[in-house]
Amino acid sequence: MNSDLYNDILRQATQLSSEDLLRLSEELSVQAAKNGTREHRLLDLKGLGSEIWQGNDAADYVAGERDSWDG
């Protein structure tokens, strides 16, 4: 953001009433939240952490886990 624009907005905000400052603060918070987030999809996780499982056989892993349940 242009620092001159930011400083100009800040100067103008000092002229607002407390009520208007609170309202502006709420609206800016909502706008910031909209700009900073995006909708996530389950498919975005596909392959995440797959390097951990490289070289491991899934059936052997499951069998080992089941064996551990019996103590």
C-alpha atoms as a PDB file:
ATOM      1  CA  MET A   1       0.000   0.000   0.000  1.00  0.00           C
ATOM      2  CA  ASN A   2       1.139   3.491  -0.734  1.00  0.00           C
ATOM      3  CA  SER A   3       2.285   4.968   2.592  1.00  0.00           C
ATOM      4  CA  ASP A   4       1.042   8.436   1.562  1.00  0.00           C
ATOM      5  CA  LEU A   5      -2.449   7.035   1.023  1.00  0.00           C
ATOM      6  CA  TYR A   6      -2.306   5.188   4.352  1.00  0.00           C
ATOM      7  CA  ASN A   7      -1.189   8.343   6.213  1.00  0.00           C
ATOM      8  CA  ASP A   8      -3.896  10.392   4.498  1.00  0.00           C
ATOM      9  CA  ILE A   9      -6.584   7.905   5.539  1.00  0.00           C
ATOM     10  CA  LEU A  10      -5.210   7.847   9.085  1.00  0.00           C
ATOM     11  CA  ARG A  11      -5.288  11.667   9.265  1.00  0.00           C
ATOM     12  CA  GLN A  12      -8.885  11.675   8.057  1.00  0.00           C
ATOM     13  CA  ALA A  13      -9.841   9.014  10.586  1.00  0.00           C
ATOM     14  CA  THR A  14      -8.753  11.284  13.446  1.00  0.00           C
ATOM     15  CA  GLN A  15     -11.616  13.585  12.482  1.00  0.00           C
ATOM     16  CA  LEU A  16     -14.255  10.873  12.982  1.00  0.00           C
ATOM     17  CA  SER A  17     -16.398  10.445  16.052  1.00  0.00           C
ATOM     18  CA  SER A  18     -15.786   7.474  18.333  1.00  0.00           C
ATOM     19  CA  GLU A  19     -18.910   5.817  16.965  1.00  0.00           C
ATOM     20  CA  ASP A  20     -17.778   6.258  13.374  1.00  0.00           C
ATOM     21  CA  LEU A  21     -14.269   5.032  14.236  1.00  0.00           C
ATOM     22  CA  LEU A  22     -15.721   1.841  15.691  1.00  0.00           C
ATOM     23  CA  ARG A  23     -17.909   1.341  12.648  1.00  0.00           C
ATOM     24  CA  LEU A  24     -14.960   1.948  10.315  1.00  0.00           C
ATOM     25  CA  SER A  25     -12.841  -0.451  12.349  1.00  0.00           C
ATOM     26  CA  GLU A  26     -15.464  -3.181  12.016  1.00  0.00           C
ATOM     27  CA  GLU A  27     -15.806  -2.657   8.273  1.00  0.00           C
ATOM     28  CA  LEU A  28     -12.023  -2.677   7.778  1.00  0.00           C
ATOM     29  CA  SER A  29     -11.741  -5.893   9.805  1.00  0.00           C
ATOM     30  CA  VAL A  30     -14.356  -7.576   7.632  1.00  0.00           C
ATOM     31  CA  GLN A  31     -12.602  -6.376   4.478  1.00  0.00           C
ATOM     32  CA  ALA A  32      -9.210  -7.581   5.738  1.00  0.00           C
ATOM     33  CA  ALA A  33     -10.665 -10.999   6.555  1.00  0.00           C
ATOM     34  CA  LYS A  34     -12.141 -11.287   3.071  1.00  0.00           C
ATOM     35  CA  ASN A  35      -8.842 -10.336   1.435  1.00  0.00           C
ATOM     36  CA  GLY A  36      -6.733 -12.646   3.588  1.00  0.00           C
ATOM     37  CA  THR A  37      -8.682 -15.864   3.254  1.00  0.00           C
ATOM     38  CA  ARG A  38      -9.885 -18.108   0.523  1.00  0.00           C
ATOM     39  CA  GLU A  39     -12.176 -21.063   0.476  1.00  0.00           C
ATOM     40  CA  HIS A  40     -10.293 -24.331   0.941  1.00  0.00           C
ATOM     41  CA  ARG A  41     -11.182 -27.551  -0.779  1.00  0.00           C
ATOM     42  CA  LEU A  42     -10.515 -31.044   0.475  1.00  0.00           C
ATOM     43  CA  LEU A  43      -8.697 -31.833  -2.750  1.00  0.00           C
ATOM     44  CA  ASP A  44      -6.102 -29.164  -1.857  1.00  0.00           C
ATOM     45  CA  LEU A  45      -4.725 -31.712   0.623  1.00  0.00           C
ATOM     46  CA  LYS A  46      -4.100 -34.398  -2.006  1.00  0.00           C
ATOM     47  CA  GLY A  47      -0.536 -35.667  -1.771  1.00  0.00           C
ATOM     48  CA  LEU A  48       0.276 -33.622   1.327  1.00  0.00           C
ATOM     49  CA  GLY A  49       2.834 -35.519   3.401  1.00  0.00           C
ATOM     50  CA  SER A  50       3.181 -38.293   0.830  1.00  0.00           C
ATOM     51  CA  GLU A  51       6.964 -38.227   1.178  1.00  0.00           C
ATOM     52  CA  ILE A  52       6.590 -39.616   4.718  1.00  0.00           C
ATOM     53  CA  TRP A  53       5.095 -42.835   3.343  1.00  0.00           C
ATOM     54  CA  GLN A  54       7.549 -43.424   0.493  1.00  0.00           C
ATOM     55  CA  GLY A  55       9.113 -46.868   0.810  1.00  0.00           C
ATOM     56  CA  ASN A  56       6.429 -48.098   3.240  1.00  0.00           C
ATOM     57  CA  ASP A  57       3.993 -50.781   2.225  1.00  0.00           C
ATOM     58  CA  ALA A  58       0.455 -49.894   3.314  1.00  0.00           C
ATOM     59  CA  ALA A  59      -0.524 -53.494   4.067  1.00  0.00           C
ATOM     60  CA  ASP A  60       2.583 -54.023   6.237  1.00  0.00           C
ATOM     61  CA  TYR A  61       1.886 -50.807   8.107  1.00  0.00           C
ATOM     62  CA  VAL A  62      -1.750 -51.758   8.809  1.00  0.00           C
ATOM     63  CA  ALA A  63      -0.719 -55.257   9.891  1.00  0.00           C
ATOM     64  CA  GLY A  64       1.855 -53.791  12.290  1.00  0.00           C
ATOM     65  CA  GLU A  65      -0.710 -51.433  13.775  1.00  0.00           C
ATOM     66  CA  ARG A  66      -3.202 -54.259  14.273  1.00  0.00           C
ATOM     67  CA  ASP A  67      -0.528 -56.387  15.945  1.00  0.00           C
ATOM     68  CA  SER A  68       0.218 -53.548  18.366  1.00  0.00           C
ATOM     69  CA  TRP A  69      -3.416 -53.514  19.559  1.00  0.00           C
ATOM     70  CA  ASP A  70      -3.043 -56.985  21.073  1.00  0.00           C
ATOM     71  CA  GLY A  71      -0.079 -55.841  23.137  1.00  0.00           C
END
